[in-house]
Amino acid sequence: MCYSANNSWKYIEYAKHKAFLHLENTLELSGKRIWLTGASSGIGRALAHELARRGAVLALTSRNCAELDRLAQELRSNGTRVTVVSGDVSIEPR
């Protein structure tokens, strides 16, 4: 399905809804270690909160260091173990 830029927010909401419905009825994540890329905003940020709510231990990566730090602080204030790694996973090492 293709969405125009004007409808991209609808796609994001749809994707978040589908991802959470899937998570709601599947894995037990308490104590599981998960590395999440693109975690500072959008679906990645929402997913980080959901994974933390389910008890996962998180490693978060994003290009936006300031937002990543804010997210980590929010999650840690609720007792989640979080490691932050700033970077761009789309760039291959030389």
N, C-alpha and C. Protein backbone atom coordinates (compact mmCIF):
# COMPACT_ATOMS: atom_id res chain seq x y z
N MET A 1 0.85 -1.16 0.00
CA MET A 1 0.00 0.00 0.00
C MET A 1 0.90 1.23 0.00
N CYS A 2 0.59 2.19 -0.85
CA CYS A 2 1.40 3.39 -0.98
C CYS A 2 0.64 4.58 -0.40
N TYR A 3 1.32 5.38 0.39
CA TYR A 3 0.71 6.56 0.99
C TYR A 3 1.44 7.81 0.53
N SER A 4 0.68 8.87 0.28
CA SER A 4 1.31 10.14 -0.06
C SER A 4 1.83 10.79 1.22
N ALA A 5 2.65 11.81 1.07
CA ALA A 5 3.18 12.50 2.24
C ALA A 5 2.06 13.07 3.10
N ASN A 6 0.96 13.48 2.46
CA ASN A 6 -0.17 14.03 3.22
C ASN A 6 -0.83 12.99 4.10
N ASN A 7 -0.71 11.72 3.74
CA ASN A 7 -1.36 10.67 4.51
C ASN A 7 -0.38 9.84 5.34
N SER A 8 0.87 10.29 5.44
CA SER A 8 1.87 9.49 6.14
C SER A 8 1.52 9.30 7.61
N TRP A 9 0.90 10.26 8.25
CA TRP A 9 0.52 10.11 9.65
C TRP A 9 -0.49 8.99 9.82
N LYS A 10 -1.36 8.77 8.84
CA LYS A 10 -2.32 7.66 8.91
C LYS A 10 -1.58 6.33 8.87
N TYR A 11 -0.55 6.25 8.04
CA TYR A 11 0.23 5.03 7.95
C TYR A 11 0.94 4.76 9.28
N ILE A 12 1.52 5.80 9.88
CA ILE A 12 2.22 5.62 11.15
C ILE A 12 1.25 5.11 12.21
N GLU A 13 0.07 5.71 12.30
CA GLU A 13 -0.92 5.25 13.28
C GLU A 13 -1.33 3.81 13.01
N TYR A 14 -1.52 3.47 11.74
CA TYR A 14 -1.89 2.10 11.37
C TYR A 14 -0.79 1.12 11.78
N ALA A 15 0.46 1.47 11.48
CA ALA A 15 1.59 0.58 11.80
C ALA A 15 1.73 0.41 13.31
N LYS A 16 1.60 1.49 14.07
CA LYS A 16 1.68 1.39 15.52
C LYS A 16 0.59 0.47 16.05
N HIS A 17 -0.62 0.65 15.53
CA HIS A 17 -1.75 -0.16 15.97
C HIS A 17 -1.49 -1.64 15.69
N LYS A 18 -1.03 -1.97 14.48
CA LYS A 18 -0.77 -3.36 14.12
C LYS A 18 0.36 -3.95 14.97
N ALA A 19 1.42 -3.18 15.19
CA ALA A 19 2.54 -3.67 15.99
C ALA A 19 2.11 -3.95 17.42
N PHE A 20 1.32 -3.06 18.01
CA PHE A 20 0.89 -3.26 19.39
C PHE A 20 -0.11 -4.40 19.51
N LEU A 21 -0.98 -4.57 18.52
CA LEU A 21 -1.90 -5.71 18.55
C LEU A 21 -1.12 -7.01 18.54
N HIS A 22 -0.07 -7.06 17.73
CA HIS A 22 0.74 -8.27 17.68
C HIS A 22 1.44 -8.51 19.01
N LEU A 23 2.04 -7.47 19.58
CA LEU A 23 2.74 -7.60 20.85
C LEU A 23 1.80 -7.99 21.98
N GLU A 24 0.59 -7.48 21.93
CA GLU A 24 -0.37 -7.70 23.00
C GLU A 24 -0.62 -9.17 23.26
N ASN A 25 -0.55 -9.98 22.22
CA ASN A 25 -0.92 -11.37 22.35
C ASN A 25 0.22 -12.35 22.15
N THR A 26 1.47 -11.90 22.24
CA THR A 26 2.55 -12.83 21.94
C THR A 26 3.58 -12.90 23.05
N LEU A 27 4.80 -12.56 22.76
CA LEU A 27 5.96 -12.83 23.58
C LEU A 27 5.92 -12.26 24.99
N GLU A 28 6.47 -13.04 25.90
CA GLU A 28 6.77 -12.56 27.24
C GLU A 28 8.15 -11.91 27.15
N LEU A 29 8.26 -10.64 27.49
CA LEU A 29 9.51 -9.91 27.26
C LEU A 29 10.26 -9.55 28.54
N SER A 30 9.76 -9.93 29.68
CA SER A 30 10.40 -9.58 30.93
C SER A 30 11.84 -10.11 30.97
N GLY A 31 12.79 -9.20 31.12
CA GLY A 31 14.20 -9.55 31.19
C GLY A 31 14.87 -9.83 29.85
N LYS A 32 14.11 -9.82 28.75
CA LYS A 32 14.71 -10.04 27.43
C LYS A 32 15.47 -8.79 27.01
N ARG A 33 16.59 -8.99 26.33
CA ARG A 33 17.40 -7.86 25.86
C ARG A 33 17.02 -7.56 24.41
N ILE A 34 16.69 -6.29 24.16
CA ILE A 34 16.26 -5.88 22.83
C ILE A 34 17.02 -4.63 22.41
N TRP A 35 17.57 -4.65 21.20
CA TRP A 35 18.24 -3.49 20.63
C TRP A 35 17.28 -2.88 19.61
N LEU A 36 16.87 -1.64 19.84
CA LEU A 36 15.88 -0.96 19.02
C LEU A 36 16.55 0.22 18.32
N THR A 37 16.50 0.23 16.98
CA THR A 37 17.06 1.35 16.22
C THR A 37 15.94 2.31 15.85
N GLY A 38 16.29 3.58 15.65
CA GLY A 38 15.29 4.60 15.32
C GLY A 38 14.38 4.89 16.49
N ALA A 39 14.94 4.83 17.69
CA ALA A 39 14.13 4.88 18.90
C ALA A 39 13.75 6.28 19.38
N SER A 40 14.31 7.33 18.81
CA SER A 40 14.10 8.66 19.38
C SER A 40 12.77 9.30 19.02
N SER A 41 12.07 8.76 18.01
CA SER A 41 10.80 9.40 17.63
C SER A 41 9.89 8.40 16.92
N GLY A 42 8.65 8.81 16.75
CA GLY A 42 7.68 8.04 15.98
C GLY A 42 7.42 6.65 16.51
N ILE A 43 7.36 5.71 15.60
CA ILE A 43 7.06 4.32 15.96
C ILE A 43 8.14 3.76 16.88
N GLY A 44 9.40 4.10 16.63
CA GLY A 44 10.49 3.60 17.46
C GLY A 44 10.34 4.02 18.91
N ARG A 45 9.97 5.28 19.13
CA ARG A 45 9.79 5.79 20.49
C ARG A 45 8.61 5.10 21.17
N ALA A 46 7.50 4.97 20.44
CA ALA A 46 6.32 4.31 20.99
C ALA A 46 6.63 2.84 21.30
N LEU A 47 7.38 2.20 20.44
CA LEU A 47 7.74 0.81 20.65
C LEU A 47 8.66 0.66 21.87
N ALA A 48 9.57 1.60 22.05
CA ALA A 48 10.45 1.58 23.22
C ALA A 48 9.63 1.63 24.51
N HIS A 49 8.62 2.49 24.55
CA HIS A 49 7.76 2.58 25.73
C HIS A 49 6.99 1.28 25.95
N GLU A 50 6.49 0.68 24.88
CA GLU A 50 5.75 -0.57 25.01
C GLU A 50 6.65 -1.72 25.47
N LEU A 51 7.84 -1.81 24.91
CA LEU A 51 8.77 -2.85 25.32
C LEU A 51 9.19 -2.68 26.77
N ALA A 52 9.39 -1.43 27.18
CA ALA A 52 9.74 -1.15 28.58
C ALA A 52 8.59 -1.54 29.50
N ARG A 53 7.37 -1.23 29.09
CA ARG A 53 6.19 -1.58 29.90
C ARG A 53 6.12 -3.10 30.11
N ARG A 54 6.60 -3.84 29.13
CA ARG A 54 6.58 -5.30 29.20
C ARG A 54 7.81 -5.88 29.90
N GLY A 55 8.71 -5.01 30.40
CA GLY A 55 9.84 -5.48 31.20
C GLY A 55 11.11 -5.79 30.45
N ALA A 56 11.22 -5.40 29.19
CA ALA A 56 12.43 -5.66 28.42
C ALA A 56 13.58 -4.78 28.89
N VAL A 57 14.80 -5.29 28.71
CA VAL A 57 16.02 -4.52 28.93
C VAL A 57 16.39 -3.97 27.56
N LEU A 58 16.54 -2.64 27.45
CA LEU A 58 16.65 -2.01 26.14
C LEU A 58 18.02 -1.41 25.84
N ALA A 59 18.45 -1.58 24.60
CA ALA A 59 19.56 -0.81 24.02
C ALA A 59 18.92 0.01 22.91
N LEU A 60 19.04 1.32 22.99
CA LEU A 60 18.38 2.21 22.06
C LEU A 60 19.39 2.94 21.19
N THR A 61 19.11 2.99 19.89
CA THR A 61 19.99 3.68 18.95
C THR A 61 19.19 4.66 18.12
N SER A 62 19.80 5.82 17.86
CA SER A 62 19.19 6.86 17.03
C SER A 62 20.26 7.85 16.63
N ARG A 63 19.97 8.62 15.58
CA ARG A 63 20.89 9.69 15.18
C ARG A 63 20.70 10.93 16.04
N ASN A 64 19.52 11.08 16.64
CA ASN A 64 19.19 12.26 17.43
C ASN A 64 19.53 12.00 18.90
N CYS A 65 20.72 12.39 19.28
CA CYS A 65 21.25 12.10 20.62
C CYS A 65 20.42 12.76 21.72
N ALA A 66 20.01 14.00 21.52
CA ALA A 66 19.26 14.71 22.55
C ALA A 66 17.91 14.03 22.84
N GLU A 67 17.18 13.66 21.79
CA GLU A 67 15.90 12.99 21.98
C GLU A 67 16.09 11.59 22.56
N LEU A 68 17.15 10.94 22.15
CA LEU A 68 17.45 9.60 22.67
C LEU A 68 17.72 9.66 24.17
N ASP A 69 18.47 10.66 24.61
CA ASP A 69 18.73 10.84 26.04
C ASP A 69 17.44 11.13 26.81
N ARG A 70 16.55 11.96 26.23
CA ARG A 70 15.27 12.25 26.89
C ARG A 70 14.44 10.97 27.05
N LEU A 71 14.41 10.17 26.00
CA LEU A 71 13.66 8.92 26.06
C LEU A 71 14.24 7.99 27.12
N ALA A 72 15.55 7.86 27.14
CA ALA A 72 16.20 7.00 28.13
C ALA A 72 15.88 7.46 29.55
N GLN A 73 15.88 8.76 29.75
CA GLN A 73 15.56 9.31 31.08
C GLN A 73 14.12 8.97 31.48
N GLU A 74 13.18 9.10 30.52
CA GLU A 74 11.78 8.74 30.79
C GLU A 74 11.66 7.28 31.18
N LEU A 75 12.32 6.42 30.42
CA LEU A 75 12.22 4.98 30.66
C LEU A 75 12.88 4.58 31.98
N ARG A 76 14.04 5.17 32.26
CA ARG A 76 14.73 4.86 33.52
C ARG A 76 13.93 5.31 34.73
N SER A 77 13.19 6.41 34.59
CA SER A 77 12.39 6.90 35.72
C SER A 77 11.29 5.91 36.09
N ASN A 78 10.96 5.02 35.15
CA ASN A 78 9.96 3.98 35.41
C ASN A 78 10.60 2.63 35.72
N GLY A 79 11.93 2.63 35.93
CA GLY A 79 12.61 1.41 36.34
C GLY A 79 13.16 0.54 35.23
N THR A 80 13.13 1.00 33.99
CA THR A 80 13.64 0.21 32.87
C THR A 80 15.15 0.33 32.78
N ARG A 81 15.83 -0.79 32.53
CA ARG A 81 17.27 -0.77 32.29
C ARG A 81 17.48 -0.40 30.83
N VAL A 82 18.23 0.69 30.59
CA VAL A 82 18.40 1.24 29.24
C VAL A 82 19.87 1.56 28.99
N THR A 83 20.35 1.18 27.82
CA THR A 83 21.67 1.59 27.32
C THR A 83 21.42 2.40 26.05
N VAL A 84 22.12 3.52 25.92
CA VAL A 84 21.94 4.41 24.78
C VAL A 84 23.19 4.39 23.91
N VAL A 85 22.99 4.18 22.59
CA VAL A 85 24.09 4.20 21.63
C VAL A 85 23.68 5.11 20.49
N SER A 86 24.29 6.29 20.42
CA SER A 86 23.97 7.23 19.36
C SER A 86 24.70 6.80 18.09
N GLY A 87 23.98 6.85 16.96
CA GLY A 87 24.63 6.50 15.70
C GLY A 87 23.63 6.32 14.57
N ASP A 88 24.18 6.09 13.38
CA ASP A 88 23.38 5.90 12.18
C ASP A 88 23.66 4.51 11.63
N VAL A 89 22.72 3.59 11.78
CA VAL A 89 22.94 2.21 11.35
C VAL A 89 22.87 2.04 9.84
N SER A 90 22.48 3.09 9.12
CA SER A 90 22.42 2.98 7.66
C SER A 90 23.77 3.20 6.99
N ILE A 91 24.77 3.63 7.75
CA ILE A 91 26.11 3.87 7.21
C ILE A 91 26.97 2.63 7.47
N GLU A 92 27.50 2.04 6.39
CA GLU A 92 28.35 0.87 6.53
C GLU A 92 29.75 1.29 6.94
N PRO A 93 30.38 0.52 7.80
CA PRO A 93 31.77 0.84 8.19
C PRO A 93 32.70 0.65 7.00
N ARG A 94 33.78 1.41 7.01
CA ARG A 94 34.75 1.31 5.91
C ARG A 94 35.71 0.19 6.14
